[in-house]
Amino acid sequence: MSDPVYVGTLFVRGESGTEFEVLNTDEKNYFETNLEKYKEQYRFENVSDLADVDRLIGLELLSYRYTAWLMKGSDYDGLQFSEKDVRDHKQKVDTEIRLLKKNMGMDRKGRVESEAESVAEYLKNLLRRAGEFGVHRDTQIAEAINLWNDLKTMIGLHDRTDTEERLHLGVEETQIIEWIRNVAIPRYDAIDDAFRKNQRSWIKDLT
């Protein structure tokens, strides 16, 4: 462990917004690194959860401090202390850390249960999305068949009528092309547009 750098009074801000005083830059880095680690690994939403994670990191910081002192044989100022007292304090703090992690579901048992729930939820969502994709494909196919039948009817009328009748029925070649451009394509694309909006909600669920 490198020698800590002293820069006067230092404060760090916890996830709940509470400020903690630390004794040197090593402690500051330790606190902030642990906070980022927990934020990446867990999702804290309730105010009580935010307060608990701050309390947890504060206790871990004390354990870190006591470990540093025991390894050095003195405190940060070089002053001697009762090794027994520091070890006793560290043991109590470590016990409190284990109990708090257990209550927060952050121990091994909690992680396993959380991972199992995450996998189950992932599979549930995967099946739901597969079903939605199947419905999307069925809708696409049904609409494509309807549009194709309409197009076949228009071409059939075009082939069986003269120019005047075609214009009256709207099946002249230019009219058919306009129908494809202004009716068929937008109707088909509308299905994809609706599906893409739903896909964006899937992405939000994963983030």
Protein backbone atom coordinates (compact mmCIF):
# COMPACT_ATOMS: atom_id res chain seq x y z
CA MET A 1 0.00 0.00 0.00
CA SER A 2 1.48 3.38 -1.01
CA ASP A 3 1.91 6.22 1.46
CA PRO A 4 -1.28 8.33 1.55
CA VAL A 5 -1.13 11.86 0.27
CA TYR A 6 -2.38 14.51 2.71
CA VAL A 7 -4.06 17.60 1.29
CA GLY A 8 -5.95 18.88 4.35
CA THR A 9 -9.58 18.08 5.09
CA LEU A 10 -11.21 15.98 2.37
CA PHE A 11 -14.88 15.22 1.80
CA VAL A 12 -16.60 12.69 -0.42
CA ARG A 13 -20.26 12.60 -1.37
CA GLY A 14 -22.24 9.40 -0.99
CA GLU A 15 -25.02 8.15 -3.25
CA SER A 16 -27.68 9.65 -0.96
CA GLY A 17 -25.98 13.05 -1.09
CA THR A 18 -24.48 12.78 2.39
CA GLU A 19 -20.91 14.06 2.76
CA PHE A 20 -18.25 12.00 4.51
CA GLU A 21 -14.93 13.25 5.82
CA VAL A 22 -11.92 11.15 4.82
CA LEU A 23 -8.38 11.43 6.13
CA ASN A 24 -6.31 11.31 2.94
CA THR A 25 -6.42 10.80 -0.81
CA ASP A 26 -6.13 7.01 -0.52
CA GLU A 27 -9.32 6.94 1.54
CA LYS A 28 -11.02 9.29 -0.91
CA ASN A 29 -10.10 7.04 -3.84
CA TYR A 30 -11.19 3.94 -1.92
CA PHE A 31 -14.60 5.43 -1.09
CA GLU A 32 -15.27 6.68 -4.63
CA THR A 33 -14.08 3.44 -6.26
CA ASN A 34 -16.33 1.31 -4.05
CA LEU A 35 -19.28 3.59 -4.68
CA GLU A 36 -18.86 3.27 -8.45
CA LYS A 37 -18.47 -0.50 -8.12
CA TYR A 38 -21.74 -0.87 -6.22
CA LYS A 39 -23.56 1.47 -8.62
CA GLU A 40 -22.46 -0.71 -11.54
CA GLN A 41 -23.35 -4.01 -9.87
CA TYR A 42 -26.63 -3.08 -8.18
CA ARG A 43 -29.61 -0.87 -8.82
CA PHE A 44 -30.48 1.35 -5.87
CA GLU A 45 -33.85 3.11 -6.22
CA ASN A 46 -35.31 3.68 -2.75
CA VAL A 47 -34.01 6.45 -0.50
CA SER A 48 -33.39 3.87 2.23
CA ASP A 49 -31.27 1.83 -0.20
CA LEU A 50 -29.13 4.89 -0.98
CA ALA A 51 -28.62 5.56 2.72
CA ASP A 52 -27.72 1.91 3.32
CA VAL A 53 -25.12 1.84 0.57
CA ASP A 54 -23.54 5.01 1.99
CA ARG A 55 -23.47 3.42 5.44
CA LEU A 56 -21.95 0.26 3.96
CA ILE A 57 -19.15 2.11 2.19
CA GLY A 58 -18.53 4.17 5.31
CA LEU A 59 -18.07 0.97 7.33
CA GLU A 60 -15.85 -0.51 4.64
CA LEU A 61 -13.78 2.66 4.77
CA LEU A 62 -13.29 2.18 8.53
CA SER A 63 -12.20 -1.42 7.93
CA TYR A 64 -9.81 -0.20 5.22
CA ARG A 65 -8.40 2.41 7.63
CA TYR A 66 -7.88 -0.08 10.45
CA THR A 67 -6.19 -2.51 8.06
CA ALA A 68 -3.82 0.24 6.88
CA TRP A 69 -2.95 1.15 10.47
CA LEU A 70 -2.34 -2.47 11.46
CA MET A 71 -0.09 -3.03 8.46
CA LYS A 72 1.87 0.15 9.17
CA GLY A 73 2.02 -0.35 12.97
CA SER A 74 0.81 3.22 13.58
CA ASP A 75 -1.93 5.57 12.48
CA TYR A 76 -1.59 7.98 9.55
CA ASP A 77 0.18 10.50 11.80
CA GLY A 78 2.70 7.91 12.94
CA LEU A 79 1.20 7.68 16.42
CA GLN A 80 1.17 4.34 18.20
CA PHE A 81 -2.08 2.64 19.25
CA SER A 82 -3.31 -0.46 21.03
CA GLU A 83 -3.20 -3.18 18.39
CA LYS A 84 -5.77 -5.19 20.34
CA ASP A 85 -8.21 -2.28 20.42
CA VAL A 86 -7.87 -1.65 16.68
CA ARG A 87 -8.29 -5.34 15.87
CA ASP A 88 -11.39 -5.49 18.08
CA HIS A 89 -12.84 -2.40 16.37
CA LYS A 90 -12.08 -3.87 12.95
CA GLN A 91 -13.74 -7.18 13.87
CA LYS A 92 -16.90 -5.38 15.00
CA VAL A 93 -16.96 -3.27 11.85
CA ASP A 94 -16.44 -6.31 9.60
CA THR A 95 -19.30 -8.13 11.37
CA GLU A 96 -21.57 -5.14 10.84
CA ILE A 97 -20.56 -5.06 7.16
CA ARG A 98 -21.50 -8.72 6.71
CA LEU A 99 -24.87 -8.23 8.42
CA LEU A 100 -25.65 -5.10 6.40
CA LYS A 101 -24.73 -6.82 3.12
CA LYS A 102 -26.95 -9.75 4.08
CA ASN A 103 -29.87 -7.43 4.82
CA MET A 104 -29.32 -5.63 1.51
CA GLY A 105 -29.14 -8.93 -0.42
CA MET A 106 -25.52 -8.29 -1.35
CA ASP A 107 -24.02 -11.41 0.20
CA ARG A 108 -23.39 -14.55 -1.85
CA LYS A 109 -26.88 -15.95 -1.17
CA GLY A 110 -28.46 -12.66 -2.19
CA ARG A 111 -26.36 -12.46 -5.34
CA VAL A 112 -27.28 -16.00 -6.36
CA GLU A 113 -30.99 -15.30 -5.79
CA SER A 114 -30.72 -12.00 -7.65
CA GLU A 115 -28.93 -13.66 -10.56
CA ALA A 116 -31.56 -16.42 -10.66
CA GLU A 117 -34.33 -13.81 -10.69
CA SER A 118 -32.48 -11.88 -13.40
CA VAL A 119 -32.15 -14.99 -15.58
CA ALA A 120 -35.80 -15.91 -15.04
CA GLU A 121 -36.90 -12.37 -15.88
CA TYR A 122 -34.62 -12.33 -18.94
CA LEU A 123 -36.10 -15.58 -20.24
CA LYS A 124 -39.61 -14.33 -19.55
CA ASN A 125 -38.93 -11.13 -21.49
CA LEU A 126 -37.22 -13.08 -24.26
CA LEU A 127 -40.28 -15.30 -24.72
CA ARG A 128 -42.57 -12.27 -24.66
CA ARG A 129 -40.46 -10.48 -27.26
CA ALA A 130 -40.29 -13.59 -29.43
CA GLY A 131 -44.09 -13.75 -29.29
CA GLU A 132 -44.35 -10.07 -30.20
CA PHE A 133 -41.95 -10.58 -33.09
CA GLY A 134 -44.06 -13.54 -34.28
CA VAL A 135 -47.19 -11.37 -34.19
CA HIS A 136 -45.29 -8.68 -36.09
CA ARG A 137 -44.30 -11.15 -38.79
CA ASP A 138 -47.86 -12.51 -39.04
CA THR A 139 -49.16 -8.94 -39.40
CA GLN A 140 -46.59 -8.21 -42.09
CA ILE A 141 -47.48 -11.35 -44.02
CA ALA A 142 -51.23 -10.67 -43.77
CA GLU A 143 -50.80 -7.08 -44.96
CA ALA A 144 -48.45 -8.15 -47.76
CA ILE A 145 -51.02 -10.70 -48.96
CA ASN A 146 -53.81 -8.09 -48.88
CA LEU A 147 -51.71 -5.57 -50.78
CA TRP A 148 -50.62 -8.20 -53.30
CA ASN A 149 -54.24 -9.23 -53.92
CA ASP A 150 -55.22 -5.59 -54.40
CA LEU A 151 -52.35 -5.16 -56.87
CA LYS A 152 -53.35 -8.31 -58.76
CA THR A 153 -56.92 -7.03 -59.02
CA MET A 154 -55.73 -3.67 -60.34
CA ILE A 155 -53.47 -5.33 -62.94
CA GLY A 156 -56.29 -7.66 -63.98
CA LEU A 157 -58.61 -4.70 -64.50
CA HIS A 158 -55.87 -2.91 -66.41
CA ASP A 159 -55.48 -5.86 -68.77
CA ARG A 160 -59.24 -6.22 -69.42
CA THR A 161 -60.12 -2.57 -70.01
CA ASP A 162 -59.41 0.19 -72.53
CA THR A 163 -57.70 3.49 -71.81
CA GLU A 164 -60.86 5.39 -70.90
CA GLU A 165 -62.05 2.64 -68.53
CA ARG A 166 -58.61 2.38 -66.96
CA LEU A 167 -58.55 6.08 -66.18
CA HIS A 168 -62.06 5.89 -64.75
CA LEU A 169 -61.19 2.84 -62.57
CA GLY A 170 -57.80 4.23 -61.54
CA VAL A 171 -55.80 1.34 -63.02
CA GLU A 172 -53.76 3.14 -65.63
CA GLU A 173 -50.04 2.24 -65.29
CA THR A 174 -49.11 5.59 -63.75
CA GLN A 175 -52.07 5.29 -61.38
CA ILE A 176 -50.98 1.83 -60.29
CA ILE A 177 -47.45 3.11 -59.63
CA GLU A 178 -48.88 6.01 -57.61
CA TRP A 179 -51.01 3.54 -55.60
CA ILE A 180 -47.90 1.47 -54.83
CA ARG A 181 -45.96 4.60 -53.81
CA ASN A 182 -48.71 6.36 -51.83
CA VAL A 183 -50.78 3.48 -50.45
CA ALA A 184 -49.06 0.09 -50.49
CA ILE A 185 -45.60 1.10 -49.28
CA PRO A 186 -46.82 3.40 -46.45
CA ARG A 187 -49.28 0.76 -45.20
CA TYR A 188 -46.55 -1.87 -45.11
CA ASP A 189 -43.97 0.47 -43.56
CA ALA A 190 -46.43 1.49 -40.84
CA ILE A 191 -46.22 -2.05 -39.45
CA ASP A 192 -42.42 -1.79 -39.15
CA ASP A 193 -42.65 1.70 -37.63
CA ALA A 194 -44.95 0.47 -34.86
CA PHE A 195 -42.67 -2.51 -34.23
CA ARG A 196 -39.54 -0.35 -34.06
CA LYS A 197 -41.16 1.86 -31.40
CA ASN A 198 -41.79 -1.26 -29.35
CA GLN A 199 -38.19 -2.38 -29.87
CA ARG A 200 -36.96 0.90 -28.37
CA SER A 201 -38.79 0.02 -25.15
CA TRP A 202 -36.96 -3.34 -25.16
CA ILE A 203 -33.63 -1.49 -25.31
CA LYS A 204 -34.67 0.70 -22.37
CA ASP A 205 -35.47 -2.43 -20.37
CA LEU A 206 -31.89 -3.64 -20.90
CA THR A 207 -30.25 -0.41 -19.83
